[in-house]
N, C-alpha and C. Protein backbone atom coordinates (compact mmCIF):
# COMPACT_ATOMS: atom_id res chain seq x y z
N MET A 1 0.84 -1.17 -0.01
CA MET A 1 -0.06 -0.03 0.06
C MET A 1 0.81 1.30 -0.07
N ALA A 2 1.88 1.24 0.76
CA ALA A 2 2.87 2.44 0.92
C ALA A 2 3.51 2.59 -0.50
N LYS A 3 3.81 1.52 -1.18
CA LYS A 3 4.56 1.58 -2.44
C LYS A 3 3.68 2.20 -3.47
N LEU A 4 2.32 2.03 -3.49
CA LEU A 4 1.42 2.54 -4.32
C LEU A 4 1.48 4.08 -4.16
N LYS A 5 1.46 4.57 -2.90
CA LYS A 5 1.43 5.95 -2.57
C LYS A 5 2.68 6.72 -3.03
N VAL A 6 3.82 5.93 -2.93
CA VAL A 6 5.07 6.49 -3.42
C VAL A 6 4.99 6.60 -4.96
N GLN A 7 4.61 5.46 -5.56
CA GLN A 7 4.54 5.59 -7.04
C GLN A 7 3.56 6.71 -7.57
N ALA A 8 2.41 6.88 -6.89
CA ALA A 8 1.49 7.86 -7.23
C ALA A 8 2.14 9.31 -7.03
N TYR A 9 2.93 9.55 -5.89
CA TYR A 9 3.56 10.65 -5.54
C TYR A 9 4.53 11.01 -6.67
N VAL A 10 5.40 10.03 -7.08
CA VAL A 10 6.33 10.27 -8.14
C VAL A 10 5.77 10.59 -9.43
N ARG A 11 4.77 10.00 -9.73
CA ARG A 11 3.97 10.16 -10.96
C ARG A 11 3.39 11.55 -11.07
N GLU A 12 2.70 11.92 -10.01
CA GLU A 12 2.17 13.32 -10.01
C GLU A 12 3.21 14.45 -9.94
N SER A 13 4.32 14.19 -9.14
CA SER A 13 5.48 15.16 -9.22
C SER A 13 5.95 15.35 -10.64
N TYR A 14 6.25 14.23 -11.26
CA TYR A 14 6.77 14.36 -12.70
C TYR A 14 5.83 15.06 -13.57
N GLU A 15 4.52 14.79 -13.45
CA GLU A 15 3.53 15.55 -14.31
C GLU A 15 3.52 16.96 -13.97
N GLU A 16 3.54 17.27 -12.71
CA GLU A 16 3.61 18.83 -12.38
C GLU A 16 4.84 19.44 -12.94
N LEU A 17 6.04 18.91 -12.61
CA LEU A 17 7.23 19.42 -13.23
C LEU A 17 7.15 19.65 -14.71
N LYS A 18 6.59 18.68 -15.39
CA LYS A 18 6.62 18.60 -16.87
C LYS A 18 5.53 19.64 -17.47
N ASN A 19 4.41 19.77 -16.85
CA ASN A 19 3.29 20.65 -17.29
C ASN A 19 3.05 21.94 -16.71
N LYS A 20 3.30 21.99 -15.44
CA LYS A 20 2.90 23.20 -14.67
C LYS A 20 3.97 24.18 -14.31
N VAL A 21 5.19 23.66 -14.23
CA VAL A 21 6.26 24.54 -13.85
C VAL A 21 6.77 25.38 -15.05
N SER A 22 6.93 26.65 -14.91
CA SER A 22 7.48 27.47 -15.96
C SER A 22 9.06 27.50 -15.78
N TRP A 23 9.81 26.94 -16.69
CA TRP A 23 11.22 26.94 -16.60
C TRP A 23 11.73 28.11 -17.28
N PRO A 24 12.90 28.62 -16.65
CA PRO A 24 13.50 29.84 -17.25
C PRO A 24 14.10 29.50 -18.67
N THR A 25 14.20 30.60 -19.60
CA THR A 25 14.89 30.38 -20.72
C THR A 25 16.36 30.49 -20.44
N TRP A 26 17.17 30.12 -21.52
CA TRP A 26 18.63 30.00 -21.37
C TRP A 26 19.21 31.45 -20.92
N SER A 27 18.75 32.47 -21.69
CA SER A 27 19.22 33.83 -21.38
C SER A 27 18.72 34.27 -19.96
N GLU A 28 17.57 33.91 -19.54
CA GLU A 28 17.12 34.29 -18.11
C GLU A 28 18.00 33.56 -17.12
N LEU A 29 18.36 32.35 -17.49
CA LEU A 29 19.25 31.55 -16.55
C LEU A 29 20.71 32.18 -16.45
N GLN A 30 21.27 32.52 -17.66
CA GLN A 30 22.56 33.17 -17.69
C GLN A 30 22.53 34.45 -16.90
N SER A 31 21.53 35.37 -17.12
CA SER A 31 21.53 36.66 -16.41
C SER A 31 21.38 36.52 -14.91
N SER A 32 20.58 35.43 -14.51
CA SER A 32 20.54 35.21 -13.05
C SER A 32 21.83 34.67 -12.48
N ALA A 33 22.49 33.84 -13.20
CA ALA A 33 23.75 33.32 -12.74
C ALA A 33 24.77 34.42 -12.68
N ILE A 34 24.80 35.47 -13.52
CA ILE A 34 25.65 36.59 -13.49
C ILE A 34 25.31 37.42 -12.10
N VAL A 35 24.11 37.72 -11.96
CA VAL A 35 23.63 38.46 -10.79
C VAL A 35 24.11 37.78 -9.51
N VAL A 36 23.92 36.40 -9.46
CA VAL A 36 24.34 35.72 -8.25
C VAL A 36 25.87 35.69 -8.10
N SER A 37 26.64 35.62 -9.12
CA SER A 37 28.03 35.62 -9.10
C SER A 37 28.51 36.99 -8.68
N VAL A 38 28.01 38.05 -9.19
CA VAL A 38 28.49 39.41 -8.85
C VAL A 38 28.08 39.65 -7.30
N ALA A 39 26.85 39.35 -6.90
CA ALA A 39 26.55 39.53 -5.41
C ALA A 39 27.43 38.67 -4.56
N SER A 40 27.79 37.50 -4.97
CA SER A 40 28.64 36.60 -4.14
C SER A 40 30.05 37.21 -4.03
N LEU A 41 30.51 37.80 -5.21
CA LEU A 41 31.89 38.45 -5.08
C LEU A 41 31.88 39.72 -4.24
N ILE A 42 30.82 40.46 -4.28
CA ILE A 42 30.73 41.55 -3.47
C ILE A 42 30.59 41.24 -1.93
N ILE A 43 29.83 40.25 -1.61
CA ILE A 43 29.79 39.85 -0.26
C ILE A 43 31.09 39.22 0.28
N ALA A 44 31.70 38.47 -0.59
CA ALA A 44 33.09 37.91 -0.18
C ALA A 44 34.06 39.03 -0.07
N LEU A 45 34.06 40.06 -0.74
CA LEU A 45 34.95 41.15 -0.67
C LEU A 45 34.68 41.90 0.68
N ILE A 46 33.39 42.10 1.01
CA ILE A 46 32.99 42.79 2.30
C ILE A 46 33.49 41.97 3.47
N VAL A 47 33.26 40.68 3.36
CA VAL A 47 33.76 39.84 4.48
C VAL A 47 35.29 39.74 4.66
N TYR A 48 35.95 39.79 3.53
CA TYR A 48 37.43 39.86 3.48
C TYR A 48 37.93 41.10 4.20
N LEU A 49 37.30 42.33 3.76
CA LEU A 49 37.71 43.62 4.41
C LEU A 49 37.41 43.61 5.84
N MET A 50 36.36 43.03 6.30
CA MET A 50 36.03 43.10 7.64
C MET A 50 37.02 42.18 8.46
N ASP A 51 37.35 41.13 7.90
CA ASP A 51 38.45 40.24 8.52
C ASP A 51 39.74 40.87 8.64
N VAL A 52 40.19 41.53 7.62
CA VAL A 52 41.47 42.27 7.56
C VAL A 52 41.45 43.35 8.61
N SER A 53 40.34 44.12 8.55
CA SER A 53 40.20 45.39 9.53
C SER A 53 40.15 44.87 10.97
N PHE A 54 39.48 43.76 11.27
CA PHE A 54 39.46 43.27 12.72
C PHE A 54 40.83 42.71 13.09
N GLN A 55 41.54 42.08 12.08
CA GLN A 55 42.89 41.47 12.47
C GLN A 55 43.73 42.78 12.81
N THR A 56 43.66 43.73 12.01
CA THR A 56 44.66 44.89 12.25
C THR A 56 44.34 45.52 13.60
N ILE A 57 43.01 45.70 13.82
CA ILE A 57 42.55 46.36 15.15
C ILE A 57 42.98 45.47 16.29
N LEU A 58 42.87 44.14 16.20
CA LEU A 58 43.24 43.27 17.43
C LEU A 58 44.79 43.25 17.46
N GLN A 59 45.44 43.26 16.34
CA GLN A 59 46.94 43.28 16.52
C GLN A 59 47.39 44.53 17.20
N GLN A 60 46.82 45.62 16.90
CA GLN A 60 47.08 46.87 17.54
C GLN A 60 46.76 46.89 19.12
N PHE A 61 45.58 46.31 19.32
CA PHE A 61 45.14 46.17 20.64
C PHE A 61 46.12 45.33 21.51
N TYR A 62 46.51 44.06 20.88
CA TYR A 62 47.39 43.22 21.75
C TYR A 62 48.78 43.83 21.84
N LYS A 63 49.24 44.69 20.95
CA LYS A 63 50.51 45.24 21.12
C LYS A 63 50.51 46.18 22.35
N ASN A 64 49.53 46.73 22.67
CA ASN A 64 49.47 47.67 23.78
C ASN A 64 49.48 46.98 25.08
N PHE A 65 49.28 45.61 25.16
CA PHE A 65 49.29 44.93 26.38
C PHE A 65 50.24 43.92 26.32
C-alpha cells in the first residue's frame, strides 16, 4: 500500500514538473547566474575587508598589552 502511494507521488510530481512549472529560458538563466556571481563576489569582498580590519585592530590592541 505504501509502495502505491510512493509511485503515485512520483508520477504526480513528474507531471507537475513537466506541465505546470515554468522553466526559465537560457538567457534568463545566464543573467540570473551573473547576478548571483556578482553578489557573491561583493559579499566575499566585504567579509574579507571586515576580516582584515578586525585583524589589524586586534593586533594593535594586543601590542598595547
